[in-house]
N, C-alpha and C. Protein backbone atom coordinates (compact mmCIF):
# COMPACT_ATOMS: atom_id res chain seq x y z
N MET A 1 23.26 -37.71 79.16
CA MET A 1 23.49 -36.32 79.49
C MET A 1 24.72 -35.83 78.75
N SER A 2 24.58 -34.73 78.06
CA SER A 2 25.71 -34.22 77.30
C SER A 2 26.48 -33.20 78.12
N GLU A 3 27.78 -33.32 78.09
CA GLU A 3 28.62 -32.42 78.87
C GLU A 3 29.13 -31.27 78.03
N GLY A 4 28.88 -31.28 76.76
CA GLY A 4 29.41 -30.25 75.88
C GLY A 4 28.57 -28.99 75.82
N GLY A 5 27.49 -28.92 76.50
CA GLY A 5 26.64 -27.75 76.44
C GLY A 5 25.66 -27.85 75.29
N THR A 6 25.32 -26.71 74.72
CA THR A 6 24.34 -26.69 73.62
C THR A 6 25.01 -26.34 72.29
N SER A 7 26.17 -26.89 72.07
CA SER A 7 26.85 -26.61 70.80
C SER A 7 26.29 -27.52 69.72
N SER A 8 25.79 -26.91 68.67
CA SER A 8 25.29 -27.71 67.56
C SER A 8 26.01 -27.27 66.29
N THR A 9 26.79 -28.16 65.74
CA THR A 9 27.50 -27.86 64.51
C THR A 9 26.81 -28.58 63.38
N LYS A 10 26.62 -27.85 62.30
CA LYS A 10 25.98 -28.44 61.13
C LYS A 10 27.04 -28.69 60.06
N PRO A 11 27.36 -29.92 59.75
CA PRO A 11 28.40 -30.18 58.77
C PRO A 11 28.02 -29.71 57.37
N GLY A 12 26.73 -29.57 57.09
CA GLY A 12 26.32 -29.12 55.76
C GLY A 12 26.57 -27.65 55.51
N SER A 13 26.75 -26.86 56.56
CA SER A 13 26.96 -25.43 56.38
C SER A 13 28.40 -25.10 56.00
N ASP A 14 29.31 -26.05 56.12
CA ASP A 14 30.70 -25.79 55.75
C ASP A 14 30.84 -25.55 54.25
N ILE A 15 29.98 -26.15 53.46
CA ILE A 15 30.06 -25.96 52.01
C ILE A 15 29.77 -24.51 51.64
N TYR A 16 28.89 -23.87 52.38
CA TYR A 16 28.58 -22.47 52.10
C TYR A 16 29.74 -21.56 52.46
N THR A 17 30.46 -21.90 53.49
CA THR A 17 31.65 -21.13 53.85
C THR A 17 32.71 -21.25 52.76
N ILE A 18 32.88 -22.44 52.23
CA ILE A 18 33.85 -22.66 51.16
C ILE A 18 33.42 -21.91 49.91
N LEU A 19 32.14 -21.97 49.58
CA LEU A 19 31.65 -21.25 48.40
C LEU A 19 31.81 -19.74 48.56
N LEU A 20 31.58 -19.23 49.74
CA LEU A 20 31.76 -17.80 50.00
C LEU A 20 33.22 -17.40 49.85
N ALA A 21 34.13 -18.22 50.34
CA ALA A 21 35.55 -17.93 50.21
C ALA A 21 35.98 -17.96 48.74
N VAL A 22 35.49 -18.92 47.98
CA VAL A 22 35.82 -19.01 46.56
C VAL A 22 35.27 -17.80 45.80
N ALA A 23 34.05 -17.38 46.13
CA ALA A 23 33.46 -16.21 45.47
C ALA A 23 34.25 -14.95 45.78
N CYS A 24 34.69 -14.79 47.02
CA CYS A 24 35.49 -13.61 47.39
C CYS A 24 36.83 -13.61 46.67
N MET A 25 37.45 -14.77 46.57
CA MET A 25 38.73 -14.84 45.86
C MET A 25 38.53 -14.54 44.38
N PHE A 26 37.46 -15.05 43.77
CA PHE A 26 37.19 -14.77 42.37
C PHE A 26 36.95 -13.28 42.15
N LEU A 27 36.22 -12.65 43.05
CA LEU A 27 35.95 -11.21 42.94
C LEU A 27 37.24 -10.40 43.06
N LEU A 28 38.11 -10.79 43.96
CA LEU A 28 39.39 -10.10 44.11
C LEU A 28 40.25 -10.26 42.86
N ILE A 29 40.32 -11.47 42.32
CA ILE A 29 41.10 -11.70 41.11
C ILE A 29 40.52 -10.93 39.93
N ALA A 30 39.20 -10.89 39.80
CA ALA A 30 38.56 -10.16 38.71
C ALA A 30 38.80 -8.66 38.84
N THR A 31 38.79 -8.13 40.06
CA THR A 31 39.05 -6.70 40.26
C THR A 31 40.48 -6.35 39.88
N VAL A 32 41.42 -7.17 40.27
CA VAL A 32 42.83 -6.92 39.91
C VAL A 32 43.00 -7.02 38.39
N PHE A 33 42.39 -8.03 37.79
CA PHE A 33 42.49 -8.19 36.34
C PHE A 33 41.92 -6.98 35.60
N MET A 34 40.75 -6.50 36.03
CA MET A 34 40.13 -5.35 35.37
C MET A 34 40.96 -4.09 35.56
N SER A 35 41.58 -3.92 36.74
CA SER A 35 42.40 -2.73 36.91
C SER A 35 43.65 -2.78 36.04
N VAL A 36 44.25 -3.95 35.91
CA VAL A 36 45.44 -4.06 35.06
C VAL A 36 45.07 -3.83 33.60
N ARG A 37 43.97 -4.43 33.15
CA ARG A 37 43.53 -4.21 31.76
C ARG A 37 43.16 -2.75 31.51
N SER A 38 42.52 -2.12 32.47
CA SER A 38 42.17 -0.72 32.35
C SER A 38 43.42 0.14 32.23
N HIS A 39 44.44 -0.21 33.00
CA HIS A 39 45.69 0.55 32.92
C HIS A 39 46.38 0.33 31.58
N GLN A 40 46.30 -0.88 31.04
CA GLN A 40 46.92 -1.17 29.75
C GLN A 40 46.18 -0.47 28.62
N ILE A 41 44.87 -0.43 28.66
CA ILE A 41 44.09 0.14 27.56
C ILE A 41 44.00 1.65 27.64
N PHE A 42 43.66 2.19 28.83
CA PHE A 42 43.41 3.62 28.96
C PHE A 42 44.59 4.38 29.54
N ASP A 43 45.67 3.70 29.89
CA ASP A 43 46.88 4.29 30.46
C ASP A 43 46.61 5.03 31.76
N ARG A 44 45.61 4.60 32.50
CA ARG A 44 45.35 5.09 33.86
C ARG A 44 44.57 4.00 34.58
N TRP A 45 44.60 4.07 35.90
CA TRP A 45 44.03 2.99 36.71
C TRP A 45 42.52 3.02 36.73
N HIS A 46 41.92 4.20 36.61
CA HIS A 46 40.46 4.29 36.65
C HIS A 46 40.00 4.95 35.35
N PRO A 47 39.34 4.22 34.44
CA PRO A 47 39.04 4.76 33.12
C PRO A 47 38.04 5.91 33.13
N PHE A 48 37.20 6.03 34.15
CA PHE A 48 36.19 7.07 34.17
C PHE A 48 36.55 8.21 35.11
N GLY A 49 37.79 8.29 35.53
CA GLY A 49 38.16 9.28 36.54
C GLY A 49 38.72 10.55 35.95
N GLY A 50 37.98 11.63 36.04
CA GLY A 50 38.50 12.96 35.70
C GLY A 50 38.70 13.19 34.21
N ILE A 51 39.35 14.27 33.94
CA ILE A 51 39.58 14.70 32.55
C ILE A 51 40.94 14.21 32.08
């Protein structure tokens, strides 16, 4: 008889959490990099914004 209730943890699903965190960090770094490069090249933060 289990006293812990119906908790079922899947150790294989932790890899997907790690991959999701790495993908989010990569996306954040790429966004910052593109904004800095856009500012360096076009002298504004958003290259397609306005006149």
